Amino acid sequence: MLSREPYPFLSAAATLLLGATVAIASVHADEGWQKLFNGKDLAGWEEVGSQGSWQAADGILYCSGKGSGWLSTAKTYANFELDLEFRVPPDGNSGVFIRAPREGDGAYVGMEIQVLDDDTRAYGKLKPEQLTGSIYDVQAAAPRATKKAGDWQRMIIRCDGRQVKVTINDQVVVDARLDDYPAKFATHPGLKRTEGYIGLQNHGSRLDYRNLRLRELP
């Protein structure tokens, strides 16, 4: 049977060109991203405070909830995009520290992007700036974009100069200019920091993280 395509070789060439374009786009999409977790151990991470609270298995980086302290990256970062998934149990509580030093409470001497079961009643009535995605005690996440406890959720944190942007489950919930909070500088000196460690907080409950990757910004 004769082909209905007047120039069948052009169709094949177009298919090859489209495939190459998709492959190049994929390479560019991944350009600059680095894995922060290898899926099997704590390489590239260091525990601050209690030891042995954090473990890795089956592609999950998790906190047992025992002890206290936090899990810190081995190196510091200034401007970056951090992309991760988390799973919080009922009444679960954690947080992602950014630009934090290793001394003091990372939520104040650095910044904490809250990770929480937003439906919990274990901590009394919560303030808006205590819910998931908020810059803890500084800027409330809005609108609420979290799923129910037990579901995997995605968080993207973009920290670029004086701007911090947080996306939860593909919805922007914080886009804050840090210089707009001078009244918080005394209690949150971390708002003035330009570089520090990235950390995962142990707040006394099981917390699961996976697919952590980071891209440094100029």
N, C-alpha and C. Protein backbone atom coordinates (compact mmCIF):
# COMPACT_ATOMS: atom_id res chain seq x y z
N MET A 1 0.86 -1.19 0.00
CA MET A 1 0.00 0.00 0.00
C MET A 1 0.88 1.23 0.00
N LEU A 2 0.49 2.16 -0.83
CA LEU A 2 1.26 3.40 -0.90
C LEU A 2 0.96 4.27 0.31
N SER A 3 1.99 4.95 0.81
CA SER A 3 1.79 5.86 1.93
C SER A 3 0.98 7.06 1.48
N ARG A 4 0.11 7.53 2.38
CA ARG A 4 -0.66 8.74 2.10
C ARG A 4 0.18 9.99 2.33
N GLU A 5 1.35 9.81 2.99
CA GLU A 5 2.24 10.94 3.19
C GLU A 5 2.97 11.23 1.89
N PRO A 6 2.88 12.40 1.34
CA PRO A 6 3.57 12.70 0.07
C PRO A 6 5.07 12.61 0.21
N TYR A 7 5.58 12.92 1.40
CA TYR A 7 7.02 12.84 1.65
C TYR A 7 7.24 12.12 2.97
N PRO A 8 7.13 10.79 2.98
CA PRO A 8 7.22 10.03 4.23
C PRO A 8 8.51 10.25 4.97
N PHE A 9 9.61 10.53 4.25
CA PHE A 9 10.89 10.73 4.92
C PHE A 9 10.88 11.99 5.76
N LEU A 10 10.05 12.99 5.37
CA LEU A 10 9.95 14.21 6.15
C LEU A 10 9.27 13.95 7.48
N SER A 11 8.28 13.07 7.48
CA SER A 11 7.58 12.72 8.72
C SER A 11 8.54 12.06 9.70
N ALA A 12 9.37 11.16 9.21
CA ALA A 12 10.35 10.49 10.06
C ALA A 12 11.36 11.48 10.61
N ALA A 13 11.80 12.41 9.75
CA ALA A 13 12.77 13.41 10.18
C ALA A 13 12.17 14.31 11.25
N ALA A 14 10.89 14.66 11.06
CA ALA A 14 10.23 15.51 12.04
C ALA A 14 10.12 14.81 13.39
N THR A 15 9.85 13.50 13.34
CA THR A 15 9.77 12.72 14.58
C THR A 15 11.10 12.71 15.30
N LEU A 16 12.18 12.51 14.53
CA LEU A 16 13.51 12.50 15.13
C LEU A 16 13.85 13.86 15.73
N LEU A 17 13.48 14.94 15.00
CA LEU A 17 13.76 16.29 15.48
C LEU A 17 12.99 16.58 16.77
N LEU A 18 11.73 16.14 16.82
CA LEU A 18 10.92 16.35 18.01
C LEU A 18 11.51 15.60 19.20
N GLY A 19 11.96 14.36 18.96
CA GLY A 19 12.57 13.59 20.03
C GLY A 19 13.82 14.25 20.57
N ALA A 20 14.63 14.77 19.66
CA ALA A 20 15.87 15.45 20.08
C ALA A 20 15.56 16.71 20.87
N THR A 21 14.52 17.44 20.43
CA THR A 21 14.13 18.67 21.14
C THR A 21 13.67 18.37 22.55
N VAL A 22 12.86 17.31 22.69
CA VAL A 22 12.38 16.91 24.02
C VAL A 22 13.54 16.51 24.91
N ALA A 23 14.50 15.76 24.36
CA ALA A 23 15.66 15.32 25.14
C ALA A 23 16.48 16.51 25.61
N ILE A 24 16.69 17.49 24.72
CA ILE A 24 17.46 18.69 25.08
C ILE A 24 16.73 19.48 26.16
N ALA A 25 15.41 19.59 26.01
CA ALA A 25 14.62 20.32 27.01
C ALA A 25 14.72 19.65 28.36
N SER A 26 14.74 18.31 28.36
CA SER A 26 14.84 17.57 29.61
C SER A 26 16.18 17.84 30.29
N VAL A 27 17.25 17.88 29.49
CA VAL A 27 18.59 18.15 30.03
C VAL A 27 18.62 19.53 30.65
N HIS A 28 18.05 20.52 29.95
CA HIS A 28 18.05 21.89 30.46
C HIS A 28 17.21 22.00 31.72
N ALA A 29 16.11 21.23 31.79
CA ALA A 29 15.23 21.28 32.96
C ALA A 29 15.96 20.79 34.20
N ASP A 30 16.86 19.81 34.02
CA ASP A 30 17.59 19.24 35.15
C ASP A 30 18.92 19.94 35.40
N GLU A 31 19.27 20.89 34.54
CA GLU A 31 20.57 21.54 34.64
C GLU A 31 20.72 22.27 35.97
N GLY A 32 21.80 21.99 36.65
CA GLY A 32 22.10 22.68 37.89
C GLY A 32 21.54 22.01 39.13
N TRP A 33 20.64 21.06 38.98
CA TRP A 33 20.05 20.39 40.14
C TRP A 33 20.99 19.31 40.67
N GLN A 34 21.08 19.20 41.97
CA GLN A 34 21.88 18.17 42.61
C GLN A 34 21.05 17.49 43.69
N LYS A 35 21.23 16.19 43.81
CA LYS A 35 20.51 15.44 44.84
C LYS A 35 21.12 15.75 46.20
N LEU A 36 20.27 16.01 47.18
CA LEU A 36 20.75 16.20 48.55
C LEU A 36 20.66 14.91 49.35
N PHE A 37 19.96 13.93 48.84
CA PHE A 37 19.78 12.65 49.53
C PHE A 37 19.92 11.53 48.52
N ASN A 38 20.83 10.58 48.82
CA ASN A 38 21.10 9.51 47.87
C ASN A 38 20.14 8.33 47.98
N GLY A 39 19.19 8.40 48.91
CA GLY A 39 18.17 7.37 49.02
C GLY A 39 18.53 6.19 49.89
N LYS A 40 19.78 6.18 50.42
CA LYS A 40 20.19 5.00 51.18
C LYS A 40 20.90 5.27 52.49
N ASP A 41 21.50 6.46 52.66
CA ASP A 41 22.18 6.76 53.92
C ASP A 41 22.24 8.27 54.13
N LEU A 42 22.92 8.70 55.17
CA LEU A 42 22.97 10.12 55.53
C LEU A 42 24.18 10.85 54.95
N ALA A 43 24.76 10.32 53.90
CA ALA A 43 25.90 10.98 53.26
C ALA A 43 25.50 12.40 52.86
N GLY A 44 26.35 13.37 53.23
CA GLY A 44 26.08 14.76 52.91
C GLY A 44 25.27 15.48 53.98
N TRP A 45 24.92 14.75 55.05
CA TRP A 45 24.15 15.32 56.16
C TRP A 45 24.86 15.07 57.48
N GLU A 46 24.62 15.93 58.46
CA GLU A 46 25.21 15.77 59.79
C GLU A 46 24.17 16.11 60.84
N GLU A 47 24.07 15.29 61.88
CA GLU A 47 23.10 15.54 62.94
C GLU A 47 23.63 16.60 63.90
N VAL A 48 22.77 17.52 64.26
CA VAL A 48 23.10 18.57 65.21
C VAL A 48 22.26 18.32 66.46
N GLY A 49 22.92 18.19 67.60
CA GLY A 49 22.19 17.84 68.82
C GLY A 49 22.16 16.35 69.01
N SER A 50 20.98 15.80 69.30
CA SER A 50 20.85 14.35 69.52
C SER A 50 21.32 13.56 68.31
N GLN A 51 21.99 12.46 68.58
CA GLN A 51 22.50 11.60 67.51
C GLN A 51 21.63 10.34 67.39
N GLY A 52 21.45 9.88 66.17
CA GLY A 52 20.72 8.64 65.94
C GLY A 52 19.23 8.81 65.71
N SER A 53 18.75 10.07 65.69
CA SER A 53 17.33 10.29 65.47
C SER A 53 16.93 10.17 64.01
N TRP A 54 17.89 10.38 63.12
CA TRP A 54 17.62 10.36 61.68
C TRP A 54 18.18 9.11 61.04
N GLN A 55 17.41 8.52 60.14
CA GLN A 55 17.82 7.31 59.44
C GLN A 55 17.35 7.37 58.00
N ALA A 56 17.85 6.43 57.20
CA ALA A 56 17.46 6.36 55.80
C ALA A 56 17.16 4.92 55.42
N ALA A 57 16.10 4.73 54.66
CA ALA A 57 15.73 3.40 54.19
C ALA A 57 14.72 3.52 53.07
N ASP A 58 14.89 2.69 52.05
CA ASP A 58 13.92 2.59 50.96
C ASP A 58 13.62 3.95 50.31
N GLY A 59 14.66 4.76 50.15
CA GLY A 59 14.50 6.04 49.49
C GLY A 59 13.88 7.13 50.34
N ILE A 60 13.73 6.87 51.64
CA ILE A 60 13.12 7.83 52.55
C ILE A 60 14.12 8.26 53.61
N LEU A 61 14.23 9.54 53.84
CA LEU A 61 15.02 10.12 54.92
C LEU A 61 14.03 10.46 56.02
N TYR A 62 14.17 9.80 57.17
CA TYR A 62 13.13 9.97 58.18
C TYR A 62 13.68 10.21 59.58
N CYS A 63 12.83 10.86 60.38
CA CYS A 63 13.14 11.14 61.77
C CYS A 63 12.30 10.21 62.63
N SER A 64 12.91 9.57 63.60
CA SER A 64 12.18 8.65 64.48
C SER A 64 11.31 9.39 65.48
N GLY A 65 11.65 10.66 65.73
CA GLY A 65 10.93 11.44 66.73
C GLY A 65 11.56 11.37 68.10
N LYS A 66 12.58 10.54 68.25
CA LYS A 66 13.29 10.45 69.53
C LYS A 66 14.35 11.54 69.60
N GLY A 67 14.69 11.95 70.81
CA GLY A 67 15.71 12.96 70.98
C GLY A 67 15.23 14.32 70.54
N SER A 68 16.16 15.13 70.07
CA SER A 68 15.84 16.49 69.62
C SER A 68 16.88 16.90 68.60
N GLY A 69 16.99 18.19 68.35
CA GLY A 69 18.01 18.67 67.42
C GLY A 69 17.51 18.66 65.99
N TRP A 70 18.45 18.59 65.04
CA TRP A 70 18.07 18.63 63.63
C TRP A 70 19.15 18.01 62.76
N LEU A 71 18.78 17.79 61.51
CA LEU A 71 19.69 17.22 60.53
C LEU A 71 20.12 18.33 59.59
N SER A 72 21.44 18.54 59.50
CA SER A 72 21.99 19.66 58.74
C SER A 72 22.74 19.19 57.50
N THR A 73 22.64 19.98 56.44
CA THR A 73 23.52 19.72 55.30
C THR A 73 24.97 19.90 55.73
N ALA A 74 25.87 19.24 55.04
CA ALA A 74 27.28 19.33 55.39
C ALA A 74 27.87 20.68 54.96
N LYS A 75 27.26 21.33 53.99
CA LYS A 75 27.78 22.62 53.52
C LYS A 75 26.70 23.68 53.63
N THR A 76 27.11 24.93 53.51
CA THR A 76 26.19 26.05 53.60
C THR A 76 25.75 26.51 52.21
N TYR A 77 24.61 27.20 52.19
CA TYR A 77 24.06 27.71 50.93
C TYR A 77 23.55 29.13 51.14
N ALA A 78 23.63 29.92 50.10
CA ALA A 78 23.16 31.32 50.15
C ALA A 78 21.85 31.45 49.37
N ASN A 79 21.94 31.40 48.05
CA ASN A 79 20.78 31.53 47.18
C ASN A 79 20.53 30.19 46.48
N PHE A 80 19.29 29.72 46.53
CA PHE A 80 19.03 28.37 46.04
C PHE A 80 17.54 28.12 45.85
N GLU A 81 17.25 27.04 45.13
CA GLU A 81 15.92 26.45 45.09
C GLU A 81 16.03 25.07 45.71
N LEU A 82 15.17 24.76 46.64
CA LEU A 82 15.13 23.47 47.30
C LEU A 82 13.80 22.82 46.98
N ASP A 83 13.85 21.61 46.46
CA ASP A 83 12.65 20.88 46.05
C ASP A 83 12.63 19.56 46.82
N LEU A 84 11.54 19.28 47.53
CA LEU A 84 11.46 18.06 48.32
C LEU A 84 10.02 17.61 48.47
N GLU A 85 9.87 16.37 48.94
CA GLU A 85 8.57 15.84 49.31
C GLU A 85 8.60 15.46 50.79
N PHE A 86 7.49 15.65 51.48
CA PHE A 86 7.42 15.29 52.88
C PHE A 86 6.11 14.58 53.17
N ARG A 87 6.13 13.78 54.23
CA ARG A 87 4.92 13.09 54.70
C ARG A 87 4.86 13.23 56.21
N VAL A 88 3.81 13.88 56.67
CA VAL A 88 3.66 14.16 58.10
C VAL A 88 2.52 13.30 58.65
N PRO A 89 2.71 12.64 59.80
CA PRO A 89 1.65 11.83 60.38
C PRO A 89 0.67 12.71 61.16
N PRO A 90 -0.45 12.17 61.61
CA PRO A 90 -1.35 12.96 62.46
C PRO A 90 -0.59 13.53 63.66
N ASP A 91 -0.78 14.81 63.92
CA ASP A 91 -0.11 15.55 65.00
C ASP A 91 1.39 15.72 64.75
N GLY A 92 1.86 15.39 63.56
CA GLY A 92 3.29 15.51 63.26
C GLY A 92 3.74 16.95 63.13
N ASN A 93 5.02 17.17 63.41
CA ASN A 93 5.58 18.52 63.42
C ASN A 93 7.04 18.45 63.03
N SER A 94 7.46 19.33 62.14
CA SER A 94 8.86 19.43 61.74
C SER A 94 9.05 20.80 61.12
N GLY A 95 10.08 20.96 60.35
CA GLY A 95 10.34 22.23 59.68
C GLY A 95 11.60 22.13 58.87
N VAL A 96 11.72 22.99 57.88
CA VAL A 96 12.93 23.06 57.06
C VAL A 96 13.65 24.36 57.41
N PHE A 97 14.84 24.25 57.97
CA PHE A 97 15.64 25.41 58.28
C PHE A 97 16.38 25.88 57.03
N ILE A 98 16.47 27.17 56.83
CA ILE A 98 17.25 27.73 55.74
C ILE A 98 18.15 28.84 56.27
N ARG A 99 19.34 28.93 55.69
CA ARG A 99 20.36 29.92 56.09
C ARG A 99 20.58 29.90 57.61
N ALA A 100 20.59 28.73 58.18
CA ALA A 100 20.71 28.60 59.63
C ALA A 100 22.15 28.31 60.06
N PRO A 101 22.58 28.89 61.18
CA PRO A 101 23.85 28.47 61.79
C PRO A 101 23.58 27.20 62.58
N ARG A 102 24.61 26.61 63.12
CA ARG A 102 24.41 25.38 63.89
C ARG A 102 24.29 25.64 65.39
N GLU A 103 24.38 26.87 65.79
CA GLU A 103 24.20 27.22 67.19
C GLU A 103 22.90 28.00 67.34
N GLY A 104 22.12 27.66 68.37
CA GLY A 104 20.86 28.35 68.60
C GLY A 104 19.70 27.66 67.92
N ASP A 105 18.52 28.23 68.08
CA ASP A 105 17.30 27.68 67.51
C ASP A 105 17.17 28.14 66.07
N GLY A 106 17.22 27.18 65.15
CA GLY A 106 17.21 27.50 63.73
C GLY A 106 16.00 28.29 63.27
N ALA A 107 14.88 28.21 64.00
CA ALA A 107 13.68 28.94 63.63
C ALA A 107 13.84 30.44 63.82
N TYR A 108 14.81 30.83 64.63
CA TYR A 108 15.01 32.23 64.96
C TYR A 108 16.37 32.76 64.49
N VAL A 109 17.43 31.97 64.71
CA VAL A 109 18.76 32.42 64.28
C VAL A 109 18.96 32.17 62.79
N GLY A 110 18.11 31.33 62.20
CA GLY A 110 18.01 31.17 60.76
C GLY A 110 16.58 31.49 60.39
N MET A 111 16.01 30.71 59.51
CA MET A 111 14.58 30.79 59.22
C MET A 111 14.03 29.37 59.14
N GLU A 112 12.80 29.19 59.56
CA GLU A 112 12.14 27.89 59.47
C GLU A 112 10.92 27.99 58.57
N ILE A 113 10.88 27.10 57.58
CA ILE A 113 9.67 26.94 56.78
C ILE A 113 8.90 25.77 57.42
N GLN A 114 7.74 26.07 57.94
CA GLN A 114 7.02 25.11 58.76
C GLN A 114 6.55 23.89 57.99
N VAL A 115 6.63 22.74 58.67
CA VAL A 115 6.07 21.47 58.19
C VAL A 115 5.25 20.91 59.33
N LEU A 116 3.95 20.71 59.12
CA LEU A 116 3.05 20.39 60.22
C LEU A 116 1.81 19.67 59.70
N ASP A 117 1.19 18.88 60.57
CA ASP A 117 -0.19 18.44 60.33
C ASP A 117 -1.07 19.65 60.64
N ASP A 118 -1.53 20.33 59.60
CA ASP A 118 -2.27 21.58 59.80
C ASP A 118 -3.61 21.38 60.51
N ASP A 119 -4.07 20.13 60.61
CA ASP A 119 -5.34 19.85 61.29
C ASP A 119 -5.15 19.44 62.74
N THR A 120 -3.92 19.43 63.20
CA THR A 120 -3.65 18.98 64.56
C THR A 120 -4.28 19.89 65.62
N ARG A 121 -4.64 19.29 66.73
CA ARG A 121 -5.09 20.06 67.89
C ARG A 121 -4.13 19.84 69.06
N ALA A 122 -3.03 19.17 68.78
CA ALA A 122 -2.08 18.82 69.83
C ALA A 122 -1.36 20.03 70.40
N TYR A 123 -1.32 21.13 69.65
CA TYR A 123 -0.59 22.32 70.09
C TYR A 123 -1.53 23.49 70.40
N GLY A 124 -2.80 23.17 70.62
CA GLY A 124 -3.77 24.22 70.88
C GLY A 124 -4.16 24.91 69.58
N LYS A 125 -4.73 26.09 69.70
CA LYS A 125 -5.15 26.83 68.52
C LYS A 125 -3.93 27.43 67.83
N LEU A 126 -3.75 27.07 66.57
CA LEU A 126 -2.57 27.52 65.83
C LEU A 126 -2.79 28.88 65.19
N LYS A 127 -1.73 29.66 65.16
CA LYS A 127 -1.76 30.94 64.45
C LYS A 127 -1.48 30.68 62.97
N PRO A 128 -1.94 31.54 62.08
CA PRO A 128 -1.69 31.35 60.65
C PRO A 128 -0.21 31.19 60.30
N GLU A 129 0.65 31.93 61.00
CA GLU A 129 2.09 31.85 60.70
C GLU A 129 2.75 30.62 61.30
N GLN A 130 1.95 29.69 61.83
CA GLN A 130 2.47 28.42 62.34
C GLN A 130 2.11 27.26 61.42
N LEU A 131 1.37 27.51 60.36
CA LEU A 131 0.92 26.44 59.48
C LEU A 131 1.95 26.14 58.39
N THR A 132 1.81 25.00 57.78
CA THR A 132 2.77 24.50 56.79
C THR A 132 3.01 25.51 55.67
N GLY A 133 4.29 25.71 55.38
CA GLY A 133 4.70 26.63 54.32
C GLY A 133 5.00 28.02 54.81
N SER A 134 4.57 28.34 56.03
CA SER A 134 4.84 29.67 56.59
C SER A 134 6.32 29.83 56.91
N ILE A 135 6.81 31.07 56.83
CA ILE A 135 8.08 31.39 57.47
C ILE A 135 7.71 31.52 58.94
N TYR A 136 8.11 30.55 59.73
CA TYR A 136 7.57 30.39 61.09
C TYR A 136 7.63 31.69 61.89
N ASP A 137 6.47 32.10 62.41
CA ASP A 137 6.33 33.27 63.27
C ASP A 137 6.65 34.58 62.56
N VAL A 138 6.73 34.53 61.23
CA VAL A 138 7.04 35.76 60.47
C VAL A 138 5.97 36.03 59.42
N GLN A 139 5.82 35.11 58.47
CA GLN A 139 4.87 35.30 57.37
C GLN A 139 4.00 34.06 57.22
N ALA A 140 2.69 34.23 57.33
CA ALA A 140 1.75 33.12 57.20
C ALA A 140 1.64 32.66 55.76
N ALA A 141 1.49 31.35 55.59
CA ALA A 141 1.23 30.78 54.27
C ALA A 141 -0.23 31.03 53.91
N ALA A 142 -0.47 31.48 52.70
CA ALA A 142 -1.84 31.70 52.24
C ALA A 142 -1.86 31.66 50.71
N PRO A 143 -2.82 30.95 50.14
CA PRO A 143 -3.85 30.19 50.82
C PRO A 143 -3.31 28.87 51.35
N ARG A 144 -4.11 28.18 52.14
CA ARG A 144 -3.71 26.87 52.61
C ARG A 144 -3.74 25.89 51.45
N ALA A 145 -2.66 25.13 51.28
CA ALA A 145 -2.55 24.23 50.13
C ALA A 145 -2.17 22.82 50.54
N THR A 146 -2.21 22.52 51.83
CA THR A 146 -1.77 21.22 52.32
C THR A 146 -2.83 20.14 52.13
N LYS A 147 -2.34 18.91 52.12
CA LYS A 147 -3.20 17.73 52.07
C LYS A 147 -3.35 17.18 53.48
N LYS A 148 -4.14 16.14 53.62
CA LYS A 148 -4.34 15.55 54.94
C LYS A 148 -3.09 14.80 55.38
N ALA A 149 -2.95 14.63 56.70
CA ALA A 149 -1.81 13.90 57.26
C ALA A 149 -1.75 12.50 56.67
N GLY A 150 -0.53 12.05 56.40
CA GLY A 150 -0.33 10.72 55.83
C GLY A 150 -0.10 10.72 54.34
N ASP A 151 -0.44 11.82 53.66
CA ASP A 151 -0.22 11.94 52.22
C ASP A 151 1.16 12.54 51.95
N TRP A 152 1.79 12.12 50.87
CA TRP A 152 3.01 12.78 50.42
C TRP A 152 2.66 14.14 49.84
N GLN A 153 3.48 15.13 50.16
CA GLN A 153 3.27 16.49 49.69
C GLN A 153 4.59 17.06 49.18
N ARG A 154 4.48 18.05 48.32
CA ARG A 154 5.68 18.65 47.74
C ARG A 154 5.86 20.08 48.22
N MET A 155 7.09 20.42 48.52
CA MET A 155 7.45 21.77 48.92
C MET A 155 8.64 22.25 48.10
N ILE A 156 8.54 23.47 47.58
CA ILE A 156 9.66 24.10 46.89
C ILE A 156 9.95 25.42 47.59
N ILE A 157 11.18 25.60 47.98
CA ILE A 157 11.61 26.84 48.64
C ILE A 157 12.63 27.53 47.74
N ARG A 158 12.34 28.76 47.38
CA ARG A 158 13.29 29.56 46.60
C ARG A 158 13.77 30.70 47.47
N CYS A 159 15.06 30.71 47.73
CA CYS A 159 15.68 31.72 48.58
C CYS A 159 16.68 32.48 47.71
N ASP A 160 16.32 33.69 47.34
CA ASP A 160 17.12 34.45 46.38
C ASP A 160 17.32 35.87 46.91
N GLY A 161 18.48 36.13 47.48
CA GLY A 161 18.74 37.43 48.06
C GLY A 161 17.79 37.69 49.21
N ARG A 162 17.03 38.78 49.13
CA ARG A 162 16.11 39.16 50.19
C ARG A 162 14.69 38.65 49.94
N GLN A 163 14.54 37.76 48.96
CA GLN A 163 13.22 37.24 48.62
C GLN A 163 13.14 35.75 48.94
N VAL A 164 12.08 35.33 49.63
CA VAL A 164 11.84 33.92 49.92
C VAL A 164 10.46 33.56 49.40
N LYS A 165 10.42 32.53 48.57
CA LYS A 165 9.16 32.07 47.96
C LYS A 165 8.96 30.60 48.31
N VAL A 166 7.76 30.26 48.75
CA VAL A 166 7.45 28.89 49.14
C VAL A 166 6.24 28.41 48.34
N THR A 167 6.39 27.24 47.74
CA THR A 167 5.31 26.61 46.98
C THR A 167 4.95 25.29 47.64
N ILE A 168 3.68 25.09 47.93
CA ILE A 168 3.20 23.83 48.50
C ILE A 168 2.23 23.19 47.51
N ASN A 169 2.55 21.96 47.11
CA ASN A 169 1.67 21.22 46.20
C ASN A 169 1.27 22.08 44.99
N ASP A 170 2.30 22.71 44.40
CA ASP A 170 2.16 23.49 43.16
C ASP A 170 1.42 24.81 43.33
N GLN A 171 1.24 25.25 44.57
CA GLN A 171 0.57 26.52 44.81
C GLN A 171 1.48 27.43 45.64
N VAL A 172 1.74 28.64 45.16
CA VAL A 172 2.57 29.59 45.89
C VAL A 172 1.81 30.06 47.12
N VAL A 173 2.43 29.88 48.30
CA VAL A 173 1.77 30.27 49.55
C VAL A 173 2.51 31.39 50.27
N VAL A 174 3.78 31.59 49.93
CA VAL A 174 4.58 32.69 50.50
C VAL A 174 5.44 33.27 49.40
N ASP A 175 5.45 34.59 49.28
CA ASP A 175 6.37 35.30 48.39
C ASP A 175 6.75 36.57 49.14
N ALA A 176 7.77 36.46 49.98
CA ALA A 176 8.06 37.49 50.97
C ALA A 176 9.40 38.18 50.71
N ARG A 177 9.40 39.48 50.90
CA ARG A 177 10.63 40.27 50.90
C ARG A 177 11.04 40.46 52.36
N LEU A 178 12.18 39.91 52.72
CA LEU A 178 12.58 39.85 54.13
C LEU A 178 12.73 41.22 54.76
N ASP A 179 13.07 42.22 53.97
CA ASP A 179 13.24 43.56 54.53
C ASP A 179 11.92 44.21 54.93
N ASP A 180 10.81 43.54 54.62
CA ASP A 180 9.49 44.08 54.97
C ASP A 180 9.08 43.72 56.40
N TYR A 181 9.98 43.07 57.15
CA TYR A 181 9.64 42.62 58.50
C TYR A 181 10.61 43.17 59.55
N PRO A 182 10.89 44.47 59.55
CA PRO A 182 11.87 45.02 60.50
C PRO A 182 11.46 44.81 61.95
N ALA A 183 10.17 44.73 62.22
CA ALA A 183 9.71 44.52 63.60
C ALA A 183 10.09 43.14 64.12
N LYS A 184 10.45 42.23 63.21
CA LYS A 184 10.81 40.86 63.60
C LYS A 184 12.32 40.65 63.73
N PHE A 185 13.10 41.64 63.34
CA PHE A 185 14.55 41.46 63.32
C PHE A 185 15.14 41.15 64.69
N ALA A 186 14.57 41.73 65.74
CA ALA A 186 15.13 41.52 67.08
C ALA A 186 14.94 40.08 67.54
N THR A 187 13.76 39.52 67.30
CA THR A 187 13.48 38.14 67.74
C THR A 187 13.87 37.11 66.68
N HIS A 188 13.98 37.55 65.43
CA HIS A 188 14.36 36.65 64.33
C HIS A 188 15.58 37.21 63.60
N PRO A 189 16.75 37.21 64.25
CA PRO A 189 17.94 37.76 63.59
C PRO A 189 18.31 37.01 62.32
N GLY A 190 17.80 35.78 62.19
CA GLY A 190 18.09 35.00 60.98
C GLY A 190 17.55 35.63 59.71
N LEU A 191 16.59 36.54 59.84
CA LEU A 191 16.06 37.21 58.66
C LEU A 191 17.12 38.05 57.97
N LYS A 192 18.16 38.41 58.70
CA LYS A 192 19.23 39.23 58.12
C LYS A 192 20.36 38.39 57.52
N ARG A 193 20.35 37.10 57.77
CA ARG A 193 21.44 36.25 57.29
C ARG A 193 21.40 36.10 55.78
N THR A 194 22.57 35.94 55.20
CA THR A 194 22.68 35.77 53.75
C THR A 194 23.12 34.36 53.35
N GLU A 195 23.50 33.55 54.33
CA GLU A 195 23.99 32.19 54.03
C GLU A 195 23.88 31.35 55.29
N GLY A 196 23.78 30.05 55.10
CA GLY A 196 23.74 29.14 56.23
C GLY A 196 23.41 27.73 55.79
N TYR A 197 23.20 26.87 56.77
CA TYR A 197 22.89 25.47 56.49
C TYR A 197 21.41 25.28 56.19
N ILE A 198 21.10 24.24 55.46
CA ILE A 198 19.73 23.78 55.29
C ILE A 198 19.53 22.63 56.27
N GLY A 199 18.40 22.61 56.96
CA GLY A 199 18.20 21.58 57.97
C GLY A 199 16.78 21.06 58.04
N LEU A 200 16.65 19.85 58.58
CA LEU A 200 15.35 19.23 58.81
C LEU A 200 15.18 19.08 60.32
N GLN A 201 14.12 19.61 60.84
CA GLN A 201 13.91 19.69 62.28
C GLN A 201 13.31 18.41 62.86
N ASN A 202 13.84 18.00 64.01
CA ASN A 202 13.25 16.95 64.82
C ASN A 202 12.41 17.63 65.89
N HIS A 203 11.09 17.52 65.78
CA HIS A 203 10.20 18.16 66.75
C HIS A 203 9.43 17.12 67.56
N GLY A 204 10.03 15.92 67.68
CA GLY A 204 9.44 14.91 68.54
C GLY A 204 8.44 13.98 67.89
N SER A 205 8.34 14.02 66.55
CA SER A 205 7.42 13.11 65.88
C SER A 205 8.09 12.49 64.66
N ARG A 206 7.57 11.38 64.21
CA ARG A 206 8.04 10.77 62.97
C ARG A 206 7.80 11.75 61.82
N LEU A 207 8.75 11.88 60.94
CA LEU A 207 8.60 12.71 59.76
C LEU A 207 9.39 12.10 58.62
N ASP A 208 8.79 11.98 57.45
CA ASP A 208 9.44 11.38 56.29
C ASP A 208 9.72 12.44 55.22
N TYR A 209 10.91 12.35 54.62
CA TYR A 209 11.28 13.20 53.50
C TYR A 209 11.84 12.33 52.39
N ARG A 210 11.66 12.77 51.16
CA ARG A 210 12.25 12.05 50.02
C ARG A 210 12.44 13.01 48.85
N ASN A 211 13.19 12.54 47.85
CA ASN A 211 13.41 13.30 46.61
C ASN A 211 13.87 14.73 46.89
N LEU A 212 14.84 14.86 47.78
CA LEU A 212 15.39 16.18 48.09
C LEU A 212 16.44 16.54 47.05
N ARG A 213 16.26 17.67 46.41
CA ARG A 213 17.25 18.16 45.45
C ARG A 213 17.36 19.67 45.56
N LEU A 214 18.48 20.19 45.11
CA LEU A 214 18.77 21.61 45.26
C LEU A 214 19.47 22.15 44.03
N ARG A 215 19.15 23.40 43.71
CA ARG A 215 19.84 24.10 42.63
C ARG A 215 20.31 25.44 43.19
N GLU A 216 21.61 25.68 43.15
CA GLU A 216 22.15 26.95 43.62
C GLU A 216 21.89 28.04 42.58
N LEU A 217 21.55 29.22 43.08
CA LEU A 217 21.28 30.36 42.23
C LEU A 217 22.47 31.31 42.25
N PRO A 218 22.67 32.09 41.21
CA PRO A 218 23.81 33.03 41.18
C PRO A 218 23.69 34.08 42.28
